[in-house]
Amino acid sequence: MSDPVPSGIIPDTKNWTWVLERRCNDCGFDASTFDPARAGSALRLVTDAWVTVLSTPGVATRTREGFWSPLEYGCHVRDVYRRFHERLDLMLDSVDPAFENWDQDATAREDRYDLQDPATVSDELRQSGFALGDRFDSVRPDQWERRGFRNDGSVFTVGSLARYLMHDPVHHLWDVGAVVPDP
């Protein structure tokens, strides 16, 4: 018999694009002032903080009601990196692409984030975060305004995608009570 799928997490249905306009009162990250040209180095810095989180004892334990464990957040950040790498590639390689919808809560359940191996997740997160950082480093000045469209009608440029992305791993470091570097 398999372990039951963990419960107690309310699916996130908020539209987080507001972070592009103002500072997040929770984690303190201000995407509106973040320079997208720094995305590569910032991703590597934040990814290293996640690797540290995933090496701590008890990483698979949920410590606050309504919040994932640090391991589950680490899995999510890894998958965010992978998804945004796909989206960045689309934006750089095609004209005005549409992004497939991604149900992050379904992914967490289906992929059993709660049962994944922390060391494996750490390696995968580091690999995906650094690869995405390298891809942002390769963006030419004339590419920062290339567009992509989310299925809810949100329009992103490569620059705003970088700013929007950076909030996610920083915010989730805050969620797990980790030291948040200043990207």
C-alpha atoms as a PDB file:
ATOM      1  CA  MET A   1       0.000   0.000   0.000  1.00  0.00           C
ATOM      2  CA  SER A   2       1.392   3.403  -0.935  1.00  0.00           C
ATOM      3  CA  ASP A   3       1.604   6.362   1.397  1.00  0.00           C
ATOM      4  CA  PRO A   4      -1.405   8.649   1.246  1.00  0.00           C
ATOM      5  CA  VAL A   5      -0.965  11.884  -0.599  1.00  0.00           C
ATOM      6  CA  PRO A   6      -0.348  14.578   2.017  1.00  0.00           C
ATOM      7  CA  SER A   7      -3.114  17.050   2.620  1.00  0.00           C
ATOM      8  CA  GLY A   8      -3.490  20.340   4.397  1.00  0.00           C
ATOM      9  CA  ILE A   9      -2.205  22.589   1.650  1.00  0.00           C
ATOM     10  CA  ILE A  10      -4.673  24.957   0.069  1.00  0.00           C
ATOM     11  CA  PRO A  11      -4.036  25.207  -3.694  1.00  0.00           C
ATOM     12  CA  ASP A  12      -2.533  28.529  -4.731  1.00  0.00           C
ATOM     13  CA  THR A  13      -4.910  30.234  -7.135  1.00  0.00           C
ATOM     14  CA  LYS A  14      -3.552  33.774  -6.757  1.00  0.00           C
ATOM     15  CA  ASN A  15      -2.282  35.705  -9.733  1.00  0.00           C
ATOM     16  CA  TRP A  16       1.220  36.649  -8.564  1.00  0.00           C
ATOM     17  CA  THR A  17       1.971  39.049 -11.439  1.00  0.00           C
ATOM     18  CA  TRP A  18       1.455  41.934  -8.990  1.00  0.00           C
ATOM     19  CA  VAL A  19       5.029  41.243  -7.801  1.00  0.00           C
ATOM     20  CA  LEU A  20       6.226  42.924 -10.994  1.00  0.00           C
ATOM     21  CA  GLU A  21       4.841  46.230  -9.735  1.00  0.00           C
ATOM     22  CA  ARG A  22       5.708  46.366  -6.042  1.00  0.00           C
ATOM     23  CA  ARG A  23       7.662  44.859  -3.165  1.00  0.00           C
ATOM     24  CA  CYS A  24       6.355  41.634  -1.625  1.00  0.00           C
ATOM     25  CA  ASN A  25       5.401  42.412   1.969  1.00  0.00           C
ATOM     26  CA  ASP A  26       6.130  38.838   3.046  1.00  0.00           C
ATOM     27  CA  CYS A  27       9.590  38.066   1.667  1.00  0.00           C
ATOM     28  CA  GLY A  28      10.680  41.634   0.947  1.00  0.00           C
ATOM     29  CA  PHE A  29      11.751  40.991  -2.651  1.00  0.00           C
ATOM     30  CA  ASP A  30      11.033  43.890  -4.979  1.00  0.00           C
ATOM     31  CA  ALA A  31      10.879  42.621  -8.547  1.00  0.00           C
ATOM     32  CA  SER A  32      10.018  46.102  -9.782  1.00  0.00           C
ATOM     33  CA  THR A  33      13.574  47.231  -9.006  1.00  0.00           C
ATOM     34  CA  PHE A  34      15.416  44.030  -9.939  1.00  0.00           C
ATOM     35  CA  ASP A  35      17.704  44.357 -12.973  1.00  0.00           C
ATOM     36  CA  PRO A  36      16.939  41.380 -15.256  1.00  0.00           C
ATOM     37  CA  ALA A  37      20.499  41.461 -16.598  1.00  0.00           C
ATOM     38  CA  ARG A  38      21.522  40.173 -13.141  1.00  0.00           C
ATOM     39  CA  ALA A  39      19.201  37.150 -13.349  1.00  0.00           C
ATOM     40  CA  GLY A  40      21.982  34.646 -14.080  1.00  0.00           C
ATOM     41  CA  SER A  41      24.143  35.519 -11.090  1.00  0.00           C
ATOM     42  CA  ALA A  42      21.104  36.021  -8.850  1.00  0.00           C
ATOM     43  CA  LEU A  43      19.734  32.590  -9.752  1.00  0.00           C
ATOM     44  CA  ARG A  44      23.044  30.943  -8.883  1.00  0.00           C
ATOM     45  CA  LEU A  45      23.143  32.776  -5.533  1.00  0.00           C
ATOM     46  CA  VAL A  46      19.570  31.842  -4.598  1.00  0.00           C
ATOM     47  CA  THR A  47      20.047  28.283  -5.851  1.00  0.00           C
ATOM     48  CA  ASP A  48      23.045  27.838  -3.551  1.00  0.00           C
ATOM     49  CA  ALA A  49      20.824  28.937  -0.652  1.00  0.00           C
ATOM     50  CA  TRP A  50      18.323  26.238  -1.655  1.00  0.00           C
ATOM     51  CA  VAL A  51      21.070  23.601  -1.737  1.00  0.00           C
ATOM     52  CA  THR A  52      21.888  24.568   1.859  1.00  0.00           C
ATOM     53  CA  VAL A  53      18.222  24.284   2.863  1.00  0.00           C
ATOM     54  CA  LEU A  54      17.936  20.825   1.329  1.00  0.00           C
ATOM     55  CA  SER A  55      20.930  19.574   3.346  1.00  0.00           C
ATOM     56  CA  THR A  56      19.373  20.347   6.729  1.00  0.00           C
ATOM     57  CA  PRO A  57      17.962  17.637   9.007  1.00  0.00           C
ATOM     58  CA  GLY A  58      14.181  17.278   8.980  1.00  0.00           C
ATOM     59  CA  VAL A  59      13.869  18.819   5.517  1.00  0.00           C
ATOM     60  CA  ALA A  60      10.883  16.586   4.681  1.00  0.00           C
ATOM     61  CA  THR A  61       8.874  17.674   7.731  1.00  0.00           C
ATOM     62  CA  ARG A  62       6.077  20.192   7.485  1.00  0.00           C
ATOM     63  CA  THR A  63       6.481  22.589  10.389  1.00  0.00           C
ATOM     64  CA  ARG A  64       3.638  25.027   9.714  1.00  0.00           C
ATOM     65  CA  GLU A  65       0.037  24.259   8.926  1.00  0.00           C
ATOM     66  CA  GLY A  66      -0.852  25.172   5.372  1.00  0.00           C
ATOM     67  CA  PHE A  67       2.777  25.220   4.195  1.00  0.00           C
ATOM     68  CA  TRP A  68       4.826  22.625   2.374  1.00  0.00           C
ATOM     69  CA  SER A  69       7.974  21.161   3.883  1.00  0.00           C
ATOM     70  CA  PRO A  70      11.323  22.592   2.782  1.00  0.00           C
ATOM     71  CA  LEU A  71      11.752  19.485   0.608  1.00  0.00           C
ATOM     72  CA  GLU A  72       8.427  20.084  -1.127  1.00  0.00           C
ATOM     73  CA  TYR A  73       9.299  23.736  -1.711  1.00  0.00           C
ATOM     74  CA  GLY A  74      12.690  22.646  -3.048  1.00  0.00           C
ATOM     75  CA  CYS A  75      10.964  20.313  -5.519  1.00  0.00           C
ATOM     76  CA  HIS A  76       8.689  23.153  -6.549  1.00  0.00           C
ATOM     77  CA  VAL A  77      11.587  25.570  -7.085  1.00  0.00           C
ATOM     78  CA  ARG A  78      13.412  22.932  -9.154  1.00  0.00           C
ATOM     79  CA  ASP A  79      10.325  22.538 -11.331  1.00  0.00           C
ATOM     80  CA  VAL A  80       9.833  26.309 -11.569  1.00  0.00           C
ATOM     81  CA  TYR A  81      13.390  26.549 -12.889  1.00  0.00           C
ATOM     82  CA  ARG A  82      12.687  23.852 -15.455  1.00  0.00           C
ATOM     83  CA  ARG A  83       9.389  25.434 -16.548  1.00  0.00           C
ATOM     84  CA  PHE A  84      10.867  28.906 -16.843  1.00  0.00           C
ATOM     85  CA  HIS A  85      13.815  27.566 -18.807  1.00  0.00           C
ATOM     86  CA  GLU A  86      11.316  26.124 -21.313  1.00  0.00           C
ATOM     87  CA  ARG A  87       9.461  29.441 -21.434  1.00  0.00           C
ATOM     88  CA  LEU A  88      12.641  31.455 -21.858  1.00  0.00           C
ATOM     89  CA  ASP A  89      13.741  29.170 -24.698  1.00  0.00           C
ATOM     90  CA  LEU A  90      10.353  29.654 -26.375  1.00  0.00           C
ATOM     91  CA  MET A  91      10.591  33.428 -26.058  1.00  0.00           C
ATOM     92  CA  LEU A  92      14.112  33.523 -27.468  1.00  0.00           C
ATOM     93  CA  ASP A  93      13.522  31.005 -30.252  1.00  0.00           C
ATOM     94  CA  SER A  94      10.060  31.960 -31.533  1.00  0.00           C
ATOM     95  CA  VAL A  95       7.837  34.995 -31.961  1.00  0.00           C
ATOM     96  CA  ASP A  96       5.157  35.705 -29.344  1.00  0.00           C
ATOM     97  CA  PRO A  97       4.821  32.131 -28.005  1.00  0.00           C
ATOM     98  CA  ALA A  98       1.961  31.012 -25.791  1.00  0.00           C
ATOM     99  CA  PHE A  99       2.886  29.156 -22.609  1.00  0.00           C
ATOM    100  CA  GLU A 100       1.197  25.917 -21.653  1.00  0.00           C
ATOM    101  CA  ASN A 101      -0.723  26.039 -18.403  1.00  0.00           C
ATOM    102  CA  TRP A 102       1.077  24.486 -15.430  1.00  0.00           C
ATOM    103  CA  ASP A 103      -0.839  23.299 -12.391  1.00  0.00           C
ATOM    104  CA  GLN A 104       1.887  23.402  -9.760  1.00  0.00           C
ATOM    105  CA  ASP A 105      -0.313  21.816  -7.097  1.00  0.00           C
ATOM    106  CA  ALA A 106      -1.177  18.865  -9.345  1.00  0.00           C
ATOM    107  CA  THR A 107       2.518  18.402 -10.088  1.00  0.00           C
ATOM    108  CA  ALA A 108       3.304  18.356  -6.366  1.00  0.00           C
ATOM    109  CA  ARG A 109       0.697  15.656  -5.780  1.00  0.00           C
ATOM    110  CA  GLU A 110       1.399  13.559  -8.868  1.00  0.00           C
ATOM    111  CA  ASP A 111       5.178  13.652  -8.481  1.00  0.00           C
ATOM    112  CA  ARG A 112       4.927  13.077  -4.718  1.00  0.00           C
ATOM    113  CA  TYR A 113       7.185  15.925  -3.718  1.00  0.00           C
ATOM    114  CA  ASP A 114       6.842  14.740  -0.122  1.00  0.00           C
ATOM    115  CA  LEU A 115       8.582  11.427  -0.892  1.00  0.00           C
ATOM    116  CA  GLN A 116      11.466  12.610  -3.053  1.00  0.00           C
ATOM    117  CA  ASP A 117      15.072  12.162  -1.970  1.00  0.00           C
ATOM    118  CA  PRO A 118      16.505  15.459  -0.664  1.00  0.00           C
ATOM    119  CA  ALA A 119      20.006  14.791  -2.075  1.00  0.00           C
ATOM    120  CA  THR A 120      18.599  14.063  -5.526  1.00  0.00           C
ATOM    121  CA  VAL A 121      16.345  17.110  -5.401  1.00  0.00           C
ATOM    122  CA  SER A 122      19.311  19.240  -4.330  1.00  0.00           C
ATOM    123  CA  ASP A 123      21.408  18.025  -7.279  1.00  0.00           C
ATOM    124  CA  GLU A 124      18.539  18.523  -9.737  1.00  0.00           C
ATOM    125  CA  LEU A 125      17.686  21.946  -8.333  1.00  0.00           C
ATOM    126  CA  ARG A 126      21.298  23.080  -8.571  1.00  0.00           C
ATOM    127  CA  GLN A 127      21.626  21.771 -12.118  1.00  0.00           C
ATOM    128  CA  SER A 128      18.370  23.368 -13.304  1.00  0.00           C
ATOM    129  CA  GLY A 129      18.995  26.663 -11.483  1.00  0.00           C
ATOM    130  CA  PHE A 130      22.512  27.059 -12.839  1.00  0.00           C
ATOM    131  CA  ALA A 131      21.420  26.050 -16.360  1.00  0.00           C
ATOM    132  CA  LEU A 132      18.650  28.652 -16.255  1.00  0.00           C
ATOM    133  CA  GLY A 133      21.117  31.216 -14.936  1.00  0.00           C
ATOM    134  CA  ASP A 134      23.443  30.442 -17.846  1.00  0.00           C
ATOM    135  CA  ARG A 135      20.556  30.815 -20.282  1.00  0.00           C
ATOM    136  CA  PHE A 136      19.702  34.243 -18.875  1.00  0.00           C
ATOM    137  CA  ASP A 137      23.388  35.170 -19.162  1.00  0.00           C
ATOM    138  CA  SER A 138      23.138  34.407 -22.893  1.00  0.00           C
ATOM    139  CA  VAL A 139      20.306  36.901 -23.516  1.00  0.00           C
ATOM    140  CA  ARG A 140      21.449  39.621 -25.903  1.00  0.00           C
ATOM    141  CA  PRO A 141      20.446  43.261 -25.288  1.00  0.00           C
ATOM    142  CA  ASP A 142      18.035  43.178 -28.238  1.00  0.00           C
ATOM    143  CA  GLN A 143      16.191  40.144 -26.784  1.00  0.00           C
ATOM    144  CA  TRP A 144      15.041  41.506 -23.413  1.00  0.00           C
ATOM    145  CA  GLU A 145      11.804  42.889 -24.900  1.00  0.00           C
ATOM    146  CA  ARG A 146      10.788  39.665 -26.710  1.00  0.00           C
ATOM    147  CA  ARG A 147       7.306  38.617 -25.579  1.00  0.00           C
ATOM    148  CA  GLY A 148       5.484  35.516 -24.434  1.00  0.00           C
ATOM    149  CA  PHE A 149       1.876  34.996 -23.368  1.00  0.00           C
ATOM    150  CA  ARG A 150       0.438  33.033 -20.476  1.00  0.00           C
ATOM    151  CA  ASN A 151      -2.934  31.370 -21.033  1.00  0.00           C
ATOM    152  CA  ASP A 152      -4.591  33.785 -18.584  1.00  0.00           C
ATOM    153  CA  GLY A 153      -3.697  36.703 -20.845  1.00  0.00           C
ATOM    154  CA  SER A 154      -0.635  37.874 -18.922  1.00  0.00           C
ATOM    155  CA  VAL A 155       2.058  39.206 -21.231  1.00  0.00           C
ATOM    156  CA  PHE A 156       5.711  38.847 -20.315  1.00  0.00           C
ATOM    157  CA  THR A 157       8.884  40.134 -21.874  1.00  0.00           C
ATOM    158  CA  VAL A 158      12.132  38.263 -21.323  1.00  0.00           C
ATOM    159  CA  GLY A 159      12.985  41.000 -18.817  1.00  0.00           C
ATOM    160  CA  SER A 160       9.714  40.797 -16.893  1.00  0.00           C
ATOM    161  CA  LEU A 161       9.913  36.982 -16.952  1.00  0.00           C
ATOM    162  CA  ALA A 162      13.296  37.228 -15.210  1.00  0.00           C
ATOM    163  CA  ARG A 163      11.914  39.631 -12.612  1.00  0.00           C
ATOM    164  CA  TYR A 164       8.779  37.523 -12.033  1.00  0.00           C
ATOM    165  CA  LEU A 165      10.815  34.327 -11.769  1.00  0.00           C
ATOM    166  CA  MET A 166      13.224  35.724  -9.168  1.00  0.00           C
ATOM    167  CA  HIS A 167      10.433  36.306  -6.688  1.00  0.00           C
ATOM    168  CA  ASP A 168       9.531  32.606  -6.547  1.00  0.00           C
ATOM    169  CA  PRO A 169      12.717  31.018  -5.122  1.00  0.00           C
ATOM    170  CA  VAL A 170      13.309  34.023  -2.852  1.00  0.00           C
ATOM    171  CA  HIS A 171       9.748  33.918  -1.510  1.00  0.00           C
ATOM    172  CA  HIS A 172       9.936  30.198  -0.842  1.00  0.00           C
ATOM    173  CA  LEU A 173      13.223  30.594   1.046  1.00  0.00           C
ATOM    174  CA  TRP A 174      11.258  32.985   3.232  1.00  0.00           C
ATOM    175  CA  ASP A 175       8.425  30.411   3.480  1.00  0.00           C
ATOM    176  CA  VAL A 176      10.819  27.848   4.988  1.00  0.00           C
ATOM    177  CA  GLY A 177      12.497  30.336   7.324  1.00  0.00           C
ATOM    178  CA  ALA A 178      15.847  30.208   5.527  1.00  0.00           C
ATOM    179  CA  VAL A 179      18.393  32.968   5.157  1.00  0.00           C
ATOM    180  CA  VAL A 180      17.408  34.871   2.035  1.00  0.00           C
ATOM    181  CA  PRO A 181      20.354  36.251   0.085  1.00  0.00           C
ATOM    182  CA  ASP A 182      19.997  39.640  -1.581  1.00  0.00           C
ATOM    183  CA  PRO A 183      19.950  38.791  -5.263  1.00  0.00           C
END
